[in-house]
Protein backbone atom coordinates (compact mmCIF):
# COMPACT_ATOMS: atom_id res chain seq x y z
CA UNK A 1 7.83 -30.60 52.05
CA UNK A 2 9.43 -30.79 48.61
CA UNK A 3 6.26 -29.37 47.10
CA UNK A 4 6.37 -26.48 49.58
CA UNK A 5 9.99 -25.72 48.69
CA UNK A 6 9.11 -25.80 45.00
CA UNK A 7 6.16 -23.44 45.52
CA UNK A 8 8.25 -20.98 47.54
CA UNK A 9 11.04 -21.07 45.00
CA UNK A 10 8.57 -20.48 42.19
CA UNK A 11 7.04 -17.55 44.06
CA UNK A 12 10.46 -15.96 44.58
CA UNK A 13 11.20 -16.34 40.86
CA UNK A 14 7.88 -14.70 39.95
CA UNK A 15 8.51 -11.80 42.34
CA UNK A 16 12.02 -11.27 40.97
CA UNK A 17 10.75 -11.40 37.41
CA UNK A 18 8.00 -8.90 38.24
CA UNK A 19 10.47 -6.51 39.89
CA UNK A 20 12.87 -6.70 36.95
CA UNK A 21 10.01 -6.10 34.54
CA UNK A 22 8.78 -3.05 36.44
CA UNK A 23 12.30 -1.67 36.81
CA UNK A 24 12.91 -2.11 33.10
CA UNK A 25 9.64 -0.45 32.07
CA UNK A 26 11.09 3.05 32.15
CA UNK A 27 8.80 5.60 30.55
CA UNK A 28 10.31 6.98 27.34
CA UNK A 29 10.70 10.74 27.18
CA UNK A 30 8.92 12.42 24.23
CA UNK A 31 10.98 12.49 21.04
CA UNK A 32 10.79 14.25 17.68
CA UNK A 33 9.80 12.58 14.41
CA UNK A 34 10.19 13.90 10.86
CA UNK A 35 8.07 13.07 7.83
CA UNK A 36 8.95 14.35 4.34
CA UNK A 37 6.75 13.71 1.32
CA UNK A 38 8.18 14.01 -2.19
CA UNK A 39 5.83 16.08 -4.38
CA UNK A 40 7.86 16.00 -7.59
CA UNK A 41 6.57 14.77 -10.94
CA UNK A 42 8.33 11.41 -10.53
CA UNK A 43 6.94 10.75 -7.05
CA UNK A 44 4.47 7.83 -6.84
CA UNK A 45 2.53 9.85 -4.25
CA UNK A 46 1.59 12.34 -6.96
CA UNK A 47 1.08 9.96 -9.86
CA UNK A 48 0.11 6.44 -8.78
CA UNK A 49 -3.18 5.60 -7.04
CA UNK A 50 -2.28 1.90 -6.71
CA UNK A 51 0.85 2.86 -4.79
CA UNK A 52 -1.24 4.93 -2.36
CA UNK A 53 -3.48 1.94 -1.67
CA UNK A 54 -0.42 -0.17 -0.83
CA UNK A 55 1.12 2.64 1.15
CA UNK A 56 -1.76 3.41 3.53
CA UNK A 57 -1.76 0.30 5.77
CA UNK A 58 2.04 0.19 6.00
CA UNK A 59 2.19 3.93 6.74
CA UNK A 60 -0.32 3.63 9.58
CA UNK A 61 1.56 0.59 10.92
CA UNK A 62 4.95 2.33 10.97
CA UNK A 63 3.63 5.56 12.49
CA UNK A 64 1.65 3.60 15.05
CA UNK A 65 4.82 1.80 16.13
CA UNK A 66 6.85 5.02 16.41
CA UNK A 67 4.42 7.51 17.93
CA UNK A 68 3.98 7.90 21.68
CA UNK A 69 1.91 10.45 23.57
CA UNK A 70 3.73 13.79 23.78
CA UNK A 71 6.03 13.22 20.79
CA UNK A 72 6.32 15.98 18.21
CA UNK A 73 6.07 15.46 14.45
CA UNK A 74 7.45 17.72 11.72
CA UNK A 75 5.53 17.08 8.50
CA UNK A 76 6.81 18.69 5.31
CA UNK A 77 6.76 18.33 1.55
CA UNK A 78 9.98 18.14 -0.44
CA UNK A 79 10.48 19.55 -3.90
CA UNK A 80 12.37 22.44 -5.40
CA UNK A 81 13.29 25.40 -3.19
CA UNK A 82 10.01 27.22 -3.78
CA UNK A 83 8.63 28.32 -0.43
CA UNK A 84 5.22 29.12 -1.89
CA UNK A 85 4.79 25.45 -2.70
CA UNK A 86 6.41 23.85 0.35
CA UNK A 87 4.07 22.71 3.11
CA UNK A 88 5.36 22.38 6.67
CA UNK A 89 3.47 21.69 9.87
CA UNK A 90 4.41 20.73 13.41
CA UNK A 91 2.05 18.74 15.62
CA UNK A 92 2.11 17.05 19.01
CA UNK A 93 0.95 13.45 19.34
CA UNK A 94 -2.18 13.32 21.55
CA UNK A 95 -2.94 10.67 24.14
CA UNK A 96 -4.89 8.76 21.52
CA UNK A 97 -1.96 8.32 19.16
CA UNK A 98 -4.12 6.91 16.36
CA UNK A 99 -5.54 10.41 15.78
CA UNK A 100 -2.09 11.70 14.82
CA UNK A 101 -1.07 8.96 12.43
CA UNK A 102 -4.50 8.74 10.80
CA UNK A 103 -4.47 12.50 10.19
CA UNK A 104 -1.02 12.28 8.58
CA UNK A 105 -2.02 9.26 6.51
CA UNK A 106 -5.13 11.05 5.25
CA UNK A 107 -3.09 14.12 4.34
CA UNK A 108 -0.60 12.05 2.34
CA UNK A 109 -3.37 10.17 0.55
CA UNK A 110 -5.04 13.41 -0.58
CA UNK A 111 -1.85 15.27 -1.46
CA UNK A 112 -2.01 14.64 -5.20
CA UNK A 113 -5.40 16.40 -5.36
CA UNK A 114 -4.23 19.47 -3.42
CA UNK A 115 -0.78 20.26 -4.73
CA UNK A 116 0.74 20.78 -8.14
CA UNK A 117 3.59 18.37 -8.82
CA UNK A 118 6.96 20.10 -8.79
CA UNK A 119 9.63 19.65 -11.43
CA UNK A 120 12.28 18.09 -9.20
CA UNK A 121 13.25 16.99 -5.70
CA UNK A 122 16.19 17.91 -3.50
CA UNK A 123 16.25 15.19 -0.87
CA UNK A 124 19.84 15.64 0.22
CA UNK A 125 19.18 19.33 0.79
CA UNK A 126 16.29 18.33 3.04
CA UNK A 127 18.65 16.17 5.08
CA UNK A 128 21.25 18.95 5.22
CA UNK A 129 18.85 21.76 6.13
CA UNK A 130 16.82 19.98 8.83
CA UNK A 131 17.92 20.08 12.49
CA UNK A 132 17.07 16.50 13.42
CA UNK A 133 18.82 16.11 16.77
CA UNK A 134 17.31 12.63 16.92
CA UNK A 135 16.86 10.81 20.20
CA UNK A 136 16.59 7.01 20.44
CA UNK A 137 13.18 6.23 18.98
CA UNK A 138 13.09 9.16 16.55
CA UNK A 139 11.73 8.30 13.10
CA UNK A 140 12.74 10.10 9.92
CA UNK A 141 10.29 8.95 7.25
CA UNK A 142 10.60 9.86 3.58
CA UNK A 143 7.91 8.94 1.06
CA UNK A 144 9.76 9.22 -2.24
CA UNK A 145 11.02 7.36 -5.29
CA UNK A 146 14.54 8.40 -4.29
CA UNK A 147 15.34 10.40 -7.43
CA UNK A 148 17.22 13.56 -6.41
CA UNK A 149 18.11 16.47 -8.68
CA UNK A 150 21.42 16.60 -6.82
CA UNK A 151 21.72 20.37 -7.16
CA UNK A 152 25.29 21.53 -6.73
CA UNK A 153 26.25 18.57 -4.56
CA UNK A 154 26.19 15.57 -6.92
CA UNK A 155 24.89 14.23 -10.20
CA UNK A 156 22.12 11.62 -9.91
CA UNK A 157 23.00 10.21 -13.32
CA UNK A 158 26.48 9.40 -12.06
CA UNK A 159 24.98 7.76 -8.99
CA UNK A 160 22.72 5.60 -11.19
CA UNK A 161 25.78 4.62 -13.28
CA UNK A 162 27.63 3.78 -10.02
CA UNK A 163 30.30 6.37 -10.81
CA UNK A 164 29.51 8.53 -7.77
CA UNK A 165 27.93 8.37 -4.34
CA UNK A 166 25.50 10.69 -2.61
CA UNK A 167 27.81 12.81 -0.41
CA UNK A 168 27.13 11.92 3.25
CA UNK A 169 26.51 14.35 6.09
CA UNK A 170 28.62 12.95 8.96
CA UNK A 171 26.73 12.68 12.27
CA UNK A 172 23.67 14.52 10.87
CA UNK A 173 21.49 11.42 11.34
CA UNK A 174 22.88 10.10 14.63
CA UNK A 175 20.15 8.18 16.53
CA UNK A 176 17.75 8.59 13.58
CA UNK A 177 15.75 5.61 12.29
CA UNK A 178 15.47 6.57 8.62
CA UNK A 179 12.69 4.83 6.70
CA UNK A 180 12.23 5.25 2.94
CA UNK A 181 8.78 4.30 1.62
CA UNK A 182 8.31 4.06 -2.15
CA UNK A 183 12.01 4.18 -2.92
CA UNK A 184 12.63 2.84 -6.42
CA UNK A 185 8.95 2.94 -7.39
CA UNK A 186 8.69 4.46 -10.85
CA UNK A 187 5.77 6.15 -12.62
CA UNK A 188 4.81 6.65 -16.24
CA UNK A 189 7.32 8.94 -17.93
CA UNK A 190 9.95 8.27 -15.26
CA UNK A 191 10.49 4.52 -15.61
CA UNK A 192 13.45 2.91 -13.89
CA UNK A 193 15.15 -0.35 -14.76
CA UNK A 194 15.38 -3.00 -12.04
CA UNK A 195 19.12 -2.33 -11.83
CA UNK A 196 18.61 1.40 -11.35
CA UNK A 197 15.94 0.77 -8.71
CA UNK A 198 18.37 -1.29 -6.66
CA UNK A 199 21.15 1.23 -7.24
CA UNK A 200 18.97 4.02 -5.84
CA UNK A 201 18.15 1.99 -2.73
CA UNK A 202 21.78 1.08 -2.19
CA UNK A 203 22.89 4.69 -2.67
CA UNK A 204 20.48 6.08 -0.04
CA UNK A 205 21.28 3.23 2.33
CA UNK A 206 24.98 4.05 2.10
CA UNK A 207 24.23 7.77 2.56
CA UNK A 208 22.12 7.20 5.68
CA UNK A 209 24.63 4.86 7.31
CA UNK A 210 27.58 7.16 6.48
CA UNK A 211 25.59 10.05 8.01
CA UNK A 212 25.16 8.15 11.29
CA UNK A 213 21.61 6.83 10.88
CA UNK A 214 19.89 3.45 10.62
CA UNK A 215 18.32 2.66 7.24
CA UNK A 216 15.20 0.70 6.36
CA UNK A 217 12.75 0.63 3.45
CA UNK A 218 9.16 -0.41 2.79
CA UNK A 219 6.55 -0.41 -0.03
CA UNK A 220 9.15 -0.67 -2.75
CA UNK A 221 6.89 -1.68 -5.63
């Protein structure tokens, strides 16, 4: 009799657990993702083949985690405000999500052979000019060393000397998961000290958080 009670109790627990699991497995609505690739002269994407080899598996991993069928992806390059050189494409993630992230990974890997490196980058302008409207699950991915020309908004030299911050954009990145890949990675002719590398990472982290987003980084060497 005790065994019967135990079996019935166990069955009830399994049924309850199953019902809770099914109830909790709510299908996520499609969301928008944003990928920006730095094509300036200091970008490791344009100048460092070893970086690209390290980048590829992590890039496919992160995109594979974020992408779901029906999501949209805005892929763009970031440099100076020269529209003849800026690439931008929108795509919808197919049912076989691996097709989308492999296509994007292949594009990034071949970028240095297809585009001429630009003289500078305006990352903050990219953040300011893009209508993110992130939903929970949206990824904003930047592949960049993090060096920004600053334009009229700030001086990067002052940021590196810890005399200034990158001016935030309040609420612009609400619900956005912002991932920097390659941040602080330097190339020949644009070498950064270990202190400056950390300062750059800290500065963009503070900017993202102050703008309402969640910050993370990967492939930082």
